[in-house]
Amino acid sequence: MTEQIMTIHDYLLKRPILTFLLLIVSALAFGFLSINIFRLLAANWEFIVTYGLVALREGALWQTFELILTGIVAMLFFLLFRFSEDILISWLGNRKIGRKK
């Protein structure tokens, strides 16, 4: 007995509207999470360099870890965006738009 297992790719390929919504949500999440991350990392690094151990005791090291984690989550949303984009391009490529039968 063989069961047909539907992958996430196949599931989303059959539902282009859901895939498009996923594309929009992931793009917005990526943009929101990454908007000022480099500026914040630079300011945090400058704070650590200027004040040293005092800055670390005040939470600068923890903030650095939080900013790195935010960057990782933002990159995951970007990968989700690219995955959705590839599925939609594949779906559009399989469509017979403008062809006469």
N, C-alpha and C. Protein backbone atom coordinates (compact mmCIF):
# COMPACT_ATOMS: atom_id res chain seq x y z
N MET A 1 0.84 -1.17 0.00
CA MET A 1 0.00 0.00 0.00
C MET A 1 0.90 1.24 0.00
N THR A 2 0.75 2.04 -1.01
CA THR A 2 1.55 3.26 -1.10
C THR A 2 0.66 4.47 -0.85
N GLU A 3 1.14 5.32 0.02
CA GLU A 3 0.42 6.55 0.30
C GLU A 3 1.10 7.69 -0.44
N GLN A 4 0.29 8.54 -1.01
CA GLN A 4 0.85 9.69 -1.69
C GLN A 4 0.98 10.82 -0.67
N ILE A 5 2.19 11.25 -0.46
CA ILE A 5 2.46 12.31 0.50
C ILE A 5 2.60 13.62 -0.26
N MET A 6 1.80 14.58 0.13
CA MET A 6 1.85 15.89 -0.52
C MET A 6 2.88 16.75 0.21
N THR A 7 3.84 17.26 -0.54
CA THR A 7 4.84 18.13 0.06
C THR A 7 4.27 19.55 0.20
N ILE A 8 4.95 20.36 0.96
CA ILE A 8 4.53 21.75 1.12
C ILE A 8 4.55 22.45 -0.24
N HIS A 9 5.56 22.13 -1.03
CA HIS A 9 5.66 22.71 -2.37
C HIS A 9 4.43 22.37 -3.21
N ASP A 10 4.05 21.10 -3.22
CA ASP A 10 2.88 20.68 -3.99
C ASP A 10 1.60 21.32 -3.46
N TYR A 11 1.49 21.40 -2.14
CA TYR A 11 0.32 21.99 -1.51
C TYR A 11 0.16 23.44 -1.94
N LEU A 12 1.26 24.20 -1.89
CA LEU A 12 1.20 25.61 -2.25
C LEU A 12 1.07 25.81 -3.76
N LEU A 13 1.61 24.88 -4.53
CA LEU A 13 1.50 24.98 -5.99
C LEU A 13 0.05 24.87 -6.45
N LYS A 14 -0.74 24.12 -5.70
CA LYS A 14 -2.16 23.95 -6.04
C LYS A 14 -3.02 25.10 -5.51
N ARG A 15 -2.46 25.94 -4.69
CA ARG A 15 -3.19 27.05 -4.08
C ARG A 15 -2.43 28.36 -4.29
N PRO A 16 -2.49 28.92 -5.49
CA PRO A 16 -1.69 30.12 -5.78
C PRO A 16 -2.10 31.35 -4.99
N ILE A 17 -3.36 31.47 -4.63
CA ILE A 17 -3.80 32.64 -3.85
C ILE A 17 -3.20 32.59 -2.45
N LEU A 18 -3.22 31.41 -1.84
CA LEU A 18 -2.61 31.23 -0.52
C LEU A 18 -1.11 31.49 -0.60
N THR A 19 -0.48 31.02 -1.66
CA THR A 19 0.96 31.24 -1.85
C THR A 19 1.26 32.72 -2.01
N PHE A 20 0.40 33.43 -2.74
CA PHE A 20 0.60 34.87 -2.91
C PHE A 20 0.45 35.61 -1.58
N LEU A 21 -0.51 35.21 -0.77
CA LEU A 21 -0.67 35.82 0.56
C LEU A 21 0.54 35.53 1.44
N LEU A 22 1.07 34.32 1.35
CA LEU A 22 2.27 33.96 2.10
C LEU A 22 3.46 34.80 1.63
N LEU A 23 3.53 35.05 0.34
CA LEU A 23 4.57 35.89 -0.23
C LEU A 23 4.49 37.30 0.34
N ILE A 24 3.30 37.86 0.40
CA ILE A 24 3.11 39.22 0.91
C ILE A 24 3.47 39.30 2.40
N VAL A 25 2.97 38.35 3.18
CA VAL A 25 3.23 38.36 4.63
C VAL A 25 4.71 38.21 4.91
N SER A 26 5.38 37.29 4.20
CA SER A 26 6.80 37.08 4.46
C SER A 26 7.62 38.30 4.03
N ALA A 27 7.25 38.98 2.95
CA ALA A 27 7.97 40.18 2.52
C ALA A 27 7.81 41.30 3.55
N LEU A 28 6.59 41.47 4.05
CA LEU A 28 6.36 42.51 5.06
C LEU A 28 7.10 42.20 6.36
N ALA A 29 7.10 40.94 6.77
CA ALA A 29 7.80 40.55 7.99
C ALA A 29 9.30 40.76 7.84
N PHE A 30 9.85 40.38 6.68
CA PHE A 30 11.28 40.60 6.44
C PHE A 30 11.61 42.08 6.48
N GLY A 31 10.81 42.90 5.83
CA GLY A 31 11.05 44.33 5.83
C GLY A 31 10.97 44.94 7.22
N PHE A 32 9.95 44.52 7.97
CA PHE A 32 9.77 45.05 9.32
C PHE A 32 10.94 44.68 10.23
N LEU A 33 11.38 43.43 10.14
CA LEU A 33 12.44 42.97 11.04
C LEU A 33 13.82 43.50 10.67
N SER A 34 14.02 43.82 9.42
CA SER A 34 15.37 44.20 9.00
C SER A 34 15.54 45.70 8.75
N ILE A 35 14.54 46.49 9.04
CA ILE A 35 14.57 47.90 8.64
C ILE A 35 15.73 48.67 9.27
N ASN A 36 16.00 48.51 10.51
CA ASN A 36 17.07 49.30 11.17
C ASN A 36 18.11 48.42 11.84
N ILE A 37 18.20 47.17 11.44
CA ILE A 37 19.06 46.25 12.18
C ILE A 37 20.54 46.64 12.09
N PHE A 38 21.00 47.11 10.94
CA PHE A 38 22.41 47.48 10.82
C PHE A 38 22.73 48.73 11.62
N ARG A 39 21.83 49.68 11.62
CA ARG A 39 22.04 50.90 12.41
C ARG A 39 22.08 50.58 13.90
N LEU A 40 21.17 49.70 14.34
CA LEU A 40 21.14 49.32 15.75
C LEU A 40 22.38 48.52 16.15
N LEU A 41 22.83 47.63 15.27
CA LEU A 41 24.05 46.87 15.56
C LEU A 41 25.26 47.80 15.66
N ALA A 42 25.35 48.78 14.76
CA ALA A 42 26.47 49.73 14.79
C ALA A 42 26.44 50.56 16.07
N ALA A 43 25.26 51.01 16.46
CA ALA A 43 25.14 51.80 17.69
C ALA A 43 25.47 50.96 18.92
N ASN A 44 25.04 49.72 18.91
CA ASN A 44 25.31 48.83 20.03
C ASN A 44 26.81 48.55 20.12
N TRP A 45 27.46 48.31 18.99
CA TRP A 45 28.89 48.06 18.98
C TRP A 45 29.66 49.30 19.47
N GLU A 46 29.24 50.47 19.04
CA GLU A 46 29.88 51.71 19.48
C GLU A 46 29.72 51.89 20.99
N PHE A 47 28.56 51.54 21.52
CA PHE A 47 28.31 51.61 22.96
C PHE A 47 29.26 50.68 23.71
N ILE A 48 29.44 49.46 23.20
CA ILE A 48 30.33 48.49 23.85
C ILE A 48 31.78 48.97 23.79
N VAL A 49 32.21 49.46 22.63
CA VAL A 49 33.59 49.93 22.48
C VAL A 49 33.85 51.14 23.37
N THR A 50 32.90 52.03 23.49
CA THR A 50 33.08 53.25 24.27
C THR A 50 33.09 52.98 25.77
N TYR A 51 32.16 52.15 26.24
CA TYR A 51 32.00 51.99 27.68
C TYR A 51 32.46 50.63 28.22
N GLY A 52 32.84 49.72 27.37
CA GLY A 52 33.44 48.46 27.79
C GLY A 52 32.55 47.62 28.68
N LEU A 53 33.12 47.23 29.85
CA LEU A 53 32.41 46.34 30.76
C LEU A 53 31.14 46.94 31.33
N VAL A 54 31.12 48.24 31.48
CA VAL A 54 29.92 48.92 31.98
C VAL A 54 28.78 48.69 30.99
N ALA A 55 29.07 48.80 29.71
CA ALA A 55 28.05 48.58 28.68
C ALA A 55 27.57 47.14 28.70
N LEU A 56 28.50 46.22 28.89
CA LEU A 56 28.11 44.81 28.94
C LEU A 56 27.23 44.51 30.16
N ARG A 57 27.56 45.13 31.28
CA ARG A 57 26.73 44.95 32.48
C ARG A 57 25.35 45.57 32.32
N GLU A 58 25.25 46.61 31.50
CA GLU A 58 23.97 47.29 31.27
C GLU A 58 23.12 46.58 30.21
N GLY A 59 23.61 45.49 29.67
CA GLY A 59 22.79 44.69 28.76
C GLY A 59 23.15 44.78 27.30
N ALA A 60 24.28 45.37 26.97
CA ALA A 60 24.65 45.52 25.56
C ALA A 60 24.94 44.18 24.90
N LEU A 61 25.52 43.24 25.64
CA LEU A 61 25.79 41.93 25.08
C LEU A 61 24.49 41.18 24.79
N TRP A 62 23.56 41.27 25.73
CA TRP A 62 22.25 40.63 25.52
C TRP A 62 21.53 41.26 24.32
N GLN A 63 21.64 42.57 24.19
CA GLN A 63 21.01 43.26 23.06
C GLN A 63 21.66 42.82 21.74
N THR A 64 22.97 42.59 21.75
CA THR A 64 23.64 42.09 20.56
C THR A 64 23.09 40.74 20.15
N PHE A 65 22.90 39.85 21.11
CA PHE A 65 22.31 38.54 20.81
C PHE A 65 20.89 38.67 20.27
N GLU A 66 20.12 39.58 20.84
CA GLU A 66 18.76 39.80 20.35
C GLU A 66 18.75 40.32 18.92
N LEU A 67 19.67 41.23 18.61
CA LEU A 67 19.76 41.76 17.25
C LEU A 67 20.18 40.69 16.25
N ILE A 68 21.10 39.83 16.65
CA ILE A 68 21.51 38.72 15.78
C ILE A 68 20.35 37.76 15.57
N LEU A 69 19.62 37.46 16.62
CA LEU A 69 18.45 36.58 16.50
C LEU A 69 17.39 37.21 15.60
N THR A 70 17.19 38.51 15.72
CA THR A 70 16.25 39.20 14.84
C THR A 70 16.70 39.10 13.38
N GLY A 71 17.98 39.21 13.15
CA GLY A 71 18.52 39.05 11.79
C GLY A 71 18.29 37.65 11.25
N ILE A 72 18.43 36.65 12.10
CA ILE A 72 18.21 35.26 11.68
C ILE A 72 16.74 35.04 11.33
N VAL A 73 15.84 35.55 12.16
CA VAL A 73 14.40 35.41 11.88
C VAL A 73 14.04 36.16 10.60
N ALA A 74 14.62 37.34 10.41
CA ALA A 74 14.37 38.10 9.18
C ALA A 74 14.83 37.30 7.96
N MET A 75 15.97 36.64 8.06
CA MET A 75 16.47 35.84 6.94
C MET A 75 15.56 34.64 6.68
N LEU A 76 14.98 34.06 7.71
CA LEU A 76 14.03 32.96 7.52
C LEU A 76 12.79 33.45 6.77
N PHE A 77 12.33 34.66 7.08
CA PHE A 77 11.20 35.22 6.34
C PHE A 77 11.59 35.51 4.89
N PHE A 78 12.83 35.92 4.67
CA PHE A 78 13.28 36.14 3.30
C PHE A 78 13.30 34.83 2.52
N LEU A 79 13.78 33.75 3.16
CA LEU A 79 13.78 32.45 2.50
C LEU A 79 12.36 31.97 2.20
N LEU A 80 11.43 32.24 3.11
CA LEU A 80 10.03 31.91 2.86
C LEU A 80 9.49 32.72 1.68
N PHE A 81 9.88 33.98 1.59
CA PHE A 81 9.50 34.82 0.46
C PHE A 81 10.01 34.23 -0.84
N ARG A 82 11.29 33.85 -0.87
CA ARG A 82 11.86 33.29 -2.09
C ARG A 82 11.21 31.95 -2.46
N PHE A 83 10.90 31.13 -1.46
CA PHE A 83 10.23 29.85 -1.70
C PHE A 83 8.86 30.09 -2.33
N SER A 84 8.11 31.03 -1.78
CA SER A 84 6.79 31.36 -2.33
C SER A 84 6.92 31.93 -3.73
N GLU A 85 7.91 32.77 -3.94
CA GLU A 85 8.13 33.36 -5.26
C GLU A 85 8.42 32.28 -6.30
N ASP A 86 9.28 31.33 -5.95
CA ASP A 86 9.60 30.24 -6.88
C ASP A 86 8.37 29.41 -7.22
N ILE A 87 7.54 29.16 -6.24
CA ILE A 87 6.31 28.39 -6.49
C ILE A 87 5.39 29.15 -7.42
N LEU A 88 5.21 30.44 -7.18
CA LEU A 88 4.34 31.23 -8.05
C LEU A 88 4.88 31.33 -9.47
N ILE A 89 6.18 31.47 -9.61
CA ILE A 89 6.77 31.50 -10.95
C ILE A 89 6.58 30.16 -11.64
N SER A 90 6.74 29.08 -10.92
CA SER A 90 6.50 27.75 -11.48
C SER A 90 5.05 27.59 -11.89
N TRP A 91 4.14 28.07 -11.05
CA TRP A 91 2.70 27.98 -11.35
C TRP A 91 2.37 28.79 -12.59
N LEU A 92 2.91 30.00 -12.68
CA LEU A 92 2.67 30.83 -13.85
C LEU A 92 3.28 30.22 -15.11
N GLY A 93 4.42 29.56 -14.97
CA GLY A 93 5.06 28.91 -16.11
C GLY A 93 4.26 27.74 -16.64
N ASN A 94 3.50 27.09 -15.78
CA ASN A 94 2.68 25.94 -16.19
C ASN A 94 1.33 26.36 -16.77
N ARG A 95 0.96 27.62 -16.56
CA ARG A 95 -0.33 28.11 -17.08
C ARG A 95 -0.25 28.33 -18.58
N LYS A 96 -1.33 28.17 -19.25
CA LYS A 96 -1.39 28.41 -20.68
C LYS A 96 -2.10 29.73 -20.93
N ILE A 97 -1.41 30.80 -20.62
CA ILE A 97 -1.97 32.14 -20.73
C ILE A 97 -1.77 32.64 -22.16
N GLY A 98 -2.84 33.04 -22.79
CA GLY A 98 -2.75 33.62 -24.12
C GLY A 98 -2.55 32.63 -25.25
N ARG A 99 -2.54 31.37 -24.97
CA ARG A 99 -2.39 30.37 -26.03
C ARG A 99 -3.74 29.96 -26.56
N LYS A 100 -3.81 29.83 -27.84
CA LYS A 100 -5.06 29.38 -28.45
C LYS A 100 -5.01 27.87 -28.62
N LYS A 101 -6.15 27.26 -28.39
CA LYS A 101 -6.20 25.80 -28.49
C LYS A 101 -6.47 25.36 -29.89
